[in-house]
Amino acid sequence: MDQGGEPSVFSVSTEFDGDQLRVVVTGEVDMATADTMFQSALREPAGQVLLDLRAVTFFDSAAIYAVLQLAERLPDRLNVLPSRQVGRVLEISGLGDQGWLRPVV
């Protein structure tokens, strides 16, 4: 939720840059939206997948599971750009040192 108490609107968009698929996710990734994020990242074949979560405001266990499934299906092809919140959740979950996770900027 944003500071006003309203839920952040979830959205996902994809774009290709050469051989890389960029998946930009905004808002809350939870049980209701994690599969949409997951399916969007797998929709088109790509050499590399960049999962841009820098605009994600909420990230729950369903979201963590979806990212882990992507990492399993896209070995050495997934890069995740986390928001501060996502980075914190992954760190607390013991996943802060994964090779696919980029530093919080």
N, C-alpha and C. Protein backbone atom coordinates (compact mmCIF):
# COMPACT_ATOMS: atom_id res chain seq x y z
N MET A 1 0.83 -1.17 0.00
CA MET A 1 0.00 0.00 0.00
C MET A 1 0.88 1.23 0.00
N ASP A 2 0.39 2.28 -0.63
CA ASP A 2 1.15 3.52 -0.59
C ASP A 2 0.92 4.20 0.76
N GLN A 3 1.55 5.34 0.96
CA GLN A 3 1.47 5.99 2.26
C GLN A 3 0.07 6.46 2.60
N GLY A 4 -0.79 6.63 1.61
CA GLY A 4 -2.16 7.03 1.86
C GLY A 4 -3.06 5.87 2.24
N GLY A 5 -2.50 4.64 2.26
CA GLY A 5 -3.29 3.48 2.63
C GLY A 5 -3.98 2.81 1.46
N GLU A 6 -3.85 3.38 0.27
CA GLU A 6 -4.46 2.78 -0.91
C GLU A 6 -3.51 1.75 -1.50
N PRO A 7 -4.03 0.61 -1.99
CA PRO A 7 -3.16 -0.37 -2.62
C PRO A 7 -2.55 0.20 -3.91
N SER A 8 -1.30 -0.17 -4.16
CA SER A 8 -0.64 0.24 -5.40
C SER A 8 -1.16 -0.62 -6.54
N VAL A 9 -1.46 -0.01 -7.64
CA VAL A 9 -2.02 -0.73 -8.79
C VAL A 9 -0.92 -1.57 -9.44
N PHE A 10 -1.22 -2.85 -9.62
CA PHE A 10 -0.28 -3.78 -10.26
C PHE A 10 -0.34 -3.60 -11.77
N SER A 11 0.82 -3.60 -12.39
CA SER A 11 0.87 -3.66 -13.85
C SER A 11 2.17 -4.35 -14.25
N VAL A 12 2.15 -4.91 -15.44
CA VAL A 12 3.34 -5.55 -15.99
C VAL A 12 3.38 -5.24 -17.48
N SER A 13 4.57 -4.90 -17.96
CA SER A 13 4.74 -4.67 -19.39
C SER A 13 6.03 -5.34 -19.83
N THR A 14 6.10 -5.68 -21.10
CA THR A 14 7.30 -6.33 -21.63
C THR A 14 7.77 -5.60 -22.86
N GLU A 15 9.08 -5.62 -23.06
CA GLU A 15 9.67 -5.03 -24.26
C GLU A 15 10.96 -5.76 -24.58
N PHE A 16 11.26 -5.89 -25.86
CA PHE A 16 12.50 -6.53 -26.28
C PHE A 16 13.54 -5.48 -26.60
N ASP A 17 14.78 -5.78 -26.21
CA ASP A 17 15.94 -4.97 -26.58
C ASP A 17 16.96 -5.98 -27.10
N GLY A 18 16.96 -6.19 -28.40
CA GLY A 18 17.81 -7.22 -28.99
C GLY A 18 17.33 -8.59 -28.53
N ASP A 19 18.22 -9.32 -27.84
CA ASP A 19 17.92 -10.67 -27.38
C ASP A 19 17.40 -10.67 -25.94
N GLN A 20 17.25 -9.49 -25.34
CA GLN A 20 16.82 -9.40 -23.94
C GLN A 20 15.36 -8.97 -23.84
N LEU A 21 14.60 -9.73 -23.06
CA LEU A 21 13.23 -9.38 -22.74
C LEU A 21 13.24 -8.64 -21.41
N ARG A 22 12.72 -7.42 -21.40
CA ARG A 22 12.63 -6.64 -20.16
C ARG A 22 11.18 -6.70 -19.70
N VAL A 23 10.98 -7.16 -18.47
CA VAL A 23 9.65 -7.27 -17.87
C VAL A 23 9.61 -6.24 -16.74
N VAL A 24 8.79 -5.21 -16.91
CA VAL A 24 8.69 -4.13 -15.93
C VAL A 24 7.41 -4.34 -15.12
N VAL A 25 7.60 -4.48 -13.80
CA VAL A 25 6.48 -4.75 -12.89
C VAL A 25 6.35 -3.57 -11.93
N THR A 26 5.11 -3.14 -11.71
CA THR A 26 4.85 -2.06 -10.76
C THR A 26 3.74 -2.49 -9.80
N GLY A 27 3.75 -1.87 -8.63
CA GLY A 27 2.69 -2.11 -7.66
C GLY A 27 2.94 -3.31 -6.78
N GLU A 28 1.88 -3.98 -6.39
CA GLU A 28 1.94 -5.09 -5.44
C GLU A 28 1.97 -6.43 -6.16
N VAL A 29 3.00 -7.23 -5.83
CA VAL A 29 3.08 -8.59 -6.37
C VAL A 29 2.75 -9.52 -5.22
N ASP A 30 1.60 -10.19 -5.36
CA ASP A 30 1.11 -11.07 -4.30
C ASP A 30 0.46 -12.29 -4.92
N MET A 31 -0.31 -13.01 -4.13
CA MET A 31 -0.93 -14.23 -4.61
C MET A 31 -1.81 -13.98 -5.84
N ALA A 32 -2.42 -12.82 -5.92
CA ALA A 32 -3.32 -12.52 -7.03
C ALA A 32 -2.58 -12.10 -8.31
N THR A 33 -1.33 -11.64 -8.18
CA THR A 33 -0.63 -11.07 -9.35
C THR A 33 0.67 -11.78 -9.71
N ALA A 34 1.20 -12.61 -8.82
CA ALA A 34 2.51 -13.23 -9.06
C ALA A 34 2.52 -14.09 -10.32
N ASP A 35 1.44 -14.80 -10.60
CA ASP A 35 1.42 -15.65 -11.79
C ASP A 35 1.43 -14.81 -13.06
N THR A 36 0.81 -13.65 -13.05
CA THR A 36 0.85 -12.77 -14.22
C THR A 36 2.28 -12.33 -14.49
N MET A 37 3.01 -11.97 -13.44
CA MET A 37 4.42 -11.61 -13.58
C MET A 37 5.21 -12.79 -14.15
N PHE A 38 5.00 -13.97 -13.59
CA PHE A 38 5.69 -15.19 -14.01
C PHE A 38 5.42 -15.49 -15.50
N GLN A 39 4.15 -15.49 -15.86
CA GLN A 39 3.78 -15.80 -17.25
C GLN A 39 4.32 -14.76 -18.23
N SER A 40 4.34 -13.51 -17.83
CA SER A 40 4.86 -12.44 -18.71
C SER A 40 6.34 -12.64 -18.99
N ALA A 41 7.08 -13.12 -18.02
CA ALA A 41 8.52 -13.34 -18.19
C ALA A 41 8.81 -14.53 -19.10
N LEU A 42 7.85 -15.44 -19.23
CA LEU A 42 8.05 -16.64 -20.05
C LEU A 42 7.30 -16.59 -21.38
N ARG A 43 6.55 -15.53 -21.60
CA ARG A 43 5.67 -15.46 -22.77
C ARG A 43 6.43 -15.57 -24.09
N GLU A 44 7.57 -14.89 -24.19
CA GLU A 44 8.35 -14.89 -25.43
C GLU A 44 9.73 -15.49 -25.15
N PRO A 45 10.24 -16.31 -26.08
CA PRO A 45 11.60 -16.83 -25.87
C PRO A 45 12.62 -15.69 -25.97
N ALA A 46 13.58 -15.70 -25.06
CA ALA A 46 14.60 -14.65 -25.05
C ALA A 46 15.91 -15.22 -24.53
N GLY A 47 17.00 -14.67 -25.00
CA GLY A 47 18.32 -15.08 -24.54
C GLY A 47 18.54 -14.68 -23.09
N GLN A 48 18.06 -13.48 -22.71
CA GLN A 48 18.18 -12.97 -21.35
C GLN A 48 16.82 -12.37 -20.95
N VAL A 49 16.50 -12.48 -19.69
CA VAL A 49 15.27 -11.86 -19.16
C VAL A 49 15.67 -10.94 -18.02
N LEU A 50 15.29 -9.69 -18.13
CA LEU A 50 15.51 -8.71 -17.08
C LEU A 50 14.18 -8.44 -16.41
N LEU A 51 14.06 -8.83 -15.15
CA LEU A 51 12.85 -8.63 -14.38
C LEU A 51 13.05 -7.36 -13.56
N ASP A 52 12.43 -6.28 -14.00
CA ASP A 52 12.60 -4.98 -13.38
C ASP A 52 11.52 -4.77 -12.33
N LEU A 53 11.90 -4.91 -11.06
CA LEU A 53 10.97 -4.81 -9.94
C LEU A 53 11.18 -3.51 -9.16
N ARG A 54 11.85 -2.53 -9.76
CA ARG A 54 12.19 -1.31 -9.03
C ARG A 54 10.97 -0.49 -8.63
N ALA A 55 9.81 -0.71 -9.27
CA ALA A 55 8.59 0.03 -8.92
C ALA A 55 7.61 -0.84 -8.13
N VAL A 56 8.09 -1.98 -7.61
CA VAL A 56 7.23 -2.87 -6.82
C VAL A 56 7.21 -2.37 -5.37
N THR A 57 5.99 -2.26 -4.83
CA THR A 57 5.81 -1.72 -3.48
C THR A 57 5.50 -2.78 -2.43
N PHE A 58 5.12 -3.99 -2.88
CA PHE A 58 4.79 -5.08 -1.96
C PHE A 58 5.17 -6.37 -2.65
N PHE A 59 5.78 -7.30 -1.90
CA PHE A 59 6.31 -8.54 -2.47
C PHE A 59 6.14 -9.63 -1.43
N ASP A 60 5.24 -10.59 -1.69
CA ASP A 60 4.98 -11.61 -0.67
C ASP A 60 5.56 -12.97 -1.05
N SER A 61 5.19 -14.00 -0.31
CA SER A 61 5.76 -15.33 -0.56
C SER A 61 5.39 -15.88 -1.93
N ALA A 62 4.23 -15.56 -2.45
CA ALA A 62 3.86 -16.00 -3.80
C ALA A 62 4.78 -15.35 -4.84
N ALA A 63 5.15 -14.11 -4.61
CA ALA A 63 6.07 -13.41 -5.50
C ALA A 63 7.47 -14.02 -5.43
N ILE A 64 7.91 -14.34 -4.21
CA ILE A 64 9.21 -14.99 -4.05
C ILE A 64 9.22 -16.32 -4.80
N TYR A 65 8.18 -17.11 -4.63
CA TYR A 65 8.07 -18.40 -5.30
C TYR A 65 8.13 -18.22 -6.82
N ALA A 66 7.42 -17.22 -7.34
CA ALA A 66 7.42 -16.99 -8.79
C ALA A 66 8.83 -16.65 -9.29
N VAL A 67 9.56 -15.83 -8.55
CA VAL A 67 10.92 -15.49 -8.97
C VAL A 67 11.84 -16.71 -8.90
N LEU A 68 11.67 -17.51 -7.86
CA LEU A 68 12.49 -18.73 -7.76
C LEU A 68 12.19 -19.69 -8.91
N GLN A 69 10.93 -19.80 -9.29
CA GLN A 69 10.57 -20.64 -10.44
C GLN A 69 11.18 -20.09 -11.73
N LEU A 70 11.19 -18.76 -11.88
CA LEU A 70 11.82 -18.16 -13.06
C LEU A 70 13.32 -18.46 -13.07
N ALA A 71 13.96 -18.34 -11.92
CA ALA A 71 15.40 -18.62 -11.83
C ALA A 71 15.70 -20.07 -12.21
N GLU A 72 14.81 -20.97 -11.84
CA GLU A 72 14.98 -22.38 -12.17
C GLU A 72 14.77 -22.63 -13.67
N ARG A 73 13.78 -21.99 -14.24
CA ARG A 73 13.49 -22.18 -15.67
C ARG A 73 14.43 -21.42 -16.59
N LEU A 74 15.05 -20.36 -16.07
CA LEU A 74 15.94 -19.52 -16.88
C LEU A 74 17.34 -19.47 -16.27
N PRO A 75 17.97 -20.64 -16.09
CA PRO A 75 19.28 -20.62 -15.44
C PRO A 75 20.28 -19.78 -16.25
N ASP A 76 21.00 -18.93 -15.56
CA ASP A 76 22.01 -18.04 -16.17
C ASP A 76 21.42 -17.07 -17.20
N ARG A 77 20.10 -16.93 -17.22
CA ARG A 77 19.47 -16.01 -18.18
C ARG A 77 18.58 -14.98 -17.50
N LEU A 78 18.43 -15.05 -16.18
CA LEU A 78 17.56 -14.15 -15.45
C LEU A 78 18.37 -13.14 -14.65
N ASN A 79 17.98 -11.88 -14.74
CA ASN A 79 18.52 -10.81 -13.90
C ASN A 79 17.34 -10.08 -13.27
N VAL A 80 17.42 -9.85 -11.97
CA VAL A 80 16.33 -9.19 -11.24
C VAL A 80 16.85 -7.87 -10.68
N LEU A 81 16.17 -6.78 -11.03
CA LEU A 81 16.46 -5.46 -10.47
C LEU A 81 15.41 -5.19 -9.39
N PRO A 82 15.78 -5.24 -8.10
CA PRO A 82 14.79 -5.11 -7.04
C PRO A 82 14.56 -3.66 -6.62
N SER A 83 13.36 -3.40 -6.12
CA SER A 83 13.12 -2.16 -5.38
C SER A 83 13.73 -2.35 -4.00
N ARG A 84 13.76 -1.32 -3.20
CA ARG A 84 14.28 -1.44 -1.83
C ARG A 84 13.46 -2.48 -1.06
N GLN A 85 12.12 -2.45 -1.22
CA GLN A 85 11.26 -3.39 -0.50
C GLN A 85 11.53 -4.83 -0.95
N VAL A 86 11.63 -5.03 -2.26
CA VAL A 86 11.88 -6.39 -2.77
C VAL A 86 13.24 -6.89 -2.30
N GLY A 87 14.25 -6.04 -2.36
CA GLY A 87 15.58 -6.43 -1.89
C GLY A 87 15.57 -6.84 -0.43
N ARG A 88 14.82 -6.09 0.38
CA ARG A 88 14.73 -6.40 1.80
C ARG A 88 14.03 -7.74 2.04
N VAL A 89 12.94 -7.98 1.32
CA VAL A 89 12.21 -9.25 1.46
C VAL A 89 13.10 -10.42 1.05
N LEU A 90 13.82 -10.27 -0.05
CA LEU A 90 14.69 -11.35 -0.51
C LEU A 90 15.85 -11.57 0.46
N GLU A 91 16.39 -10.49 1.02
CA GLU A 91 17.47 -10.61 2.00
C GLU A 91 16.98 -11.35 3.24
N ILE A 92 15.82 -10.98 3.77
CA ILE A 92 15.25 -11.62 4.95
C ILE A 92 14.95 -13.09 4.66
N SER A 93 14.59 -13.39 3.42
CA SER A 93 14.26 -14.77 3.02
C SER A 93 15.50 -15.62 2.77
N GLY A 94 16.68 -15.03 2.92
CA GLY A 94 17.91 -15.77 2.69
C GLY A 94 18.32 -15.85 1.23
N LEU A 95 17.74 -15.00 0.40
CA LEU A 95 18.01 -15.05 -1.04
C LEU A 95 18.81 -13.83 -1.52
N GLY A 96 19.37 -13.08 -0.60
CA GLY A 96 20.07 -11.86 -0.97
C GLY A 96 21.37 -12.05 -1.73
N ASP A 97 21.89 -13.28 -1.76
CA ASP A 97 23.17 -13.52 -2.43
C ASP A 97 23.03 -14.31 -3.72
N GLN A 98 21.83 -14.39 -4.27
CA GLN A 98 21.62 -15.14 -5.50
C GLN A 98 22.29 -14.46 -6.69
N GLY A 99 22.82 -15.24 -7.60
CA GLY A 99 23.52 -14.70 -8.78
C GLY A 99 22.64 -13.89 -9.69
N TRP A 100 21.34 -14.14 -9.67
CA TRP A 100 20.41 -13.41 -10.55
C TRP A 100 19.97 -12.08 -9.97
N LEU A 101 20.25 -11.84 -8.69
CA LEU A 101 19.80 -10.62 -8.03
C LEU A 101 20.84 -9.50 -8.17
N ARG A 102 20.43 -8.39 -8.74
CA ARG A 102 21.31 -7.23 -8.89
C ARG A 102 21.18 -6.35 -7.66
N PRO A 103 22.17 -5.51 -7.38
CA PRO A 103 22.11 -4.64 -6.21
C PRO A 103 20.95 -3.64 -6.30
N VAL A 104 20.40 -3.28 -5.15
CA VAL A 104 19.36 -2.24 -5.07
C VAL A 104 20.04 -0.92 -5.41
N VAL A 105 19.42 -0.16 -6.30
CA VAL A 105 19.99 1.13 -6.70
C VAL A 105 19.23 2.28 -6.09
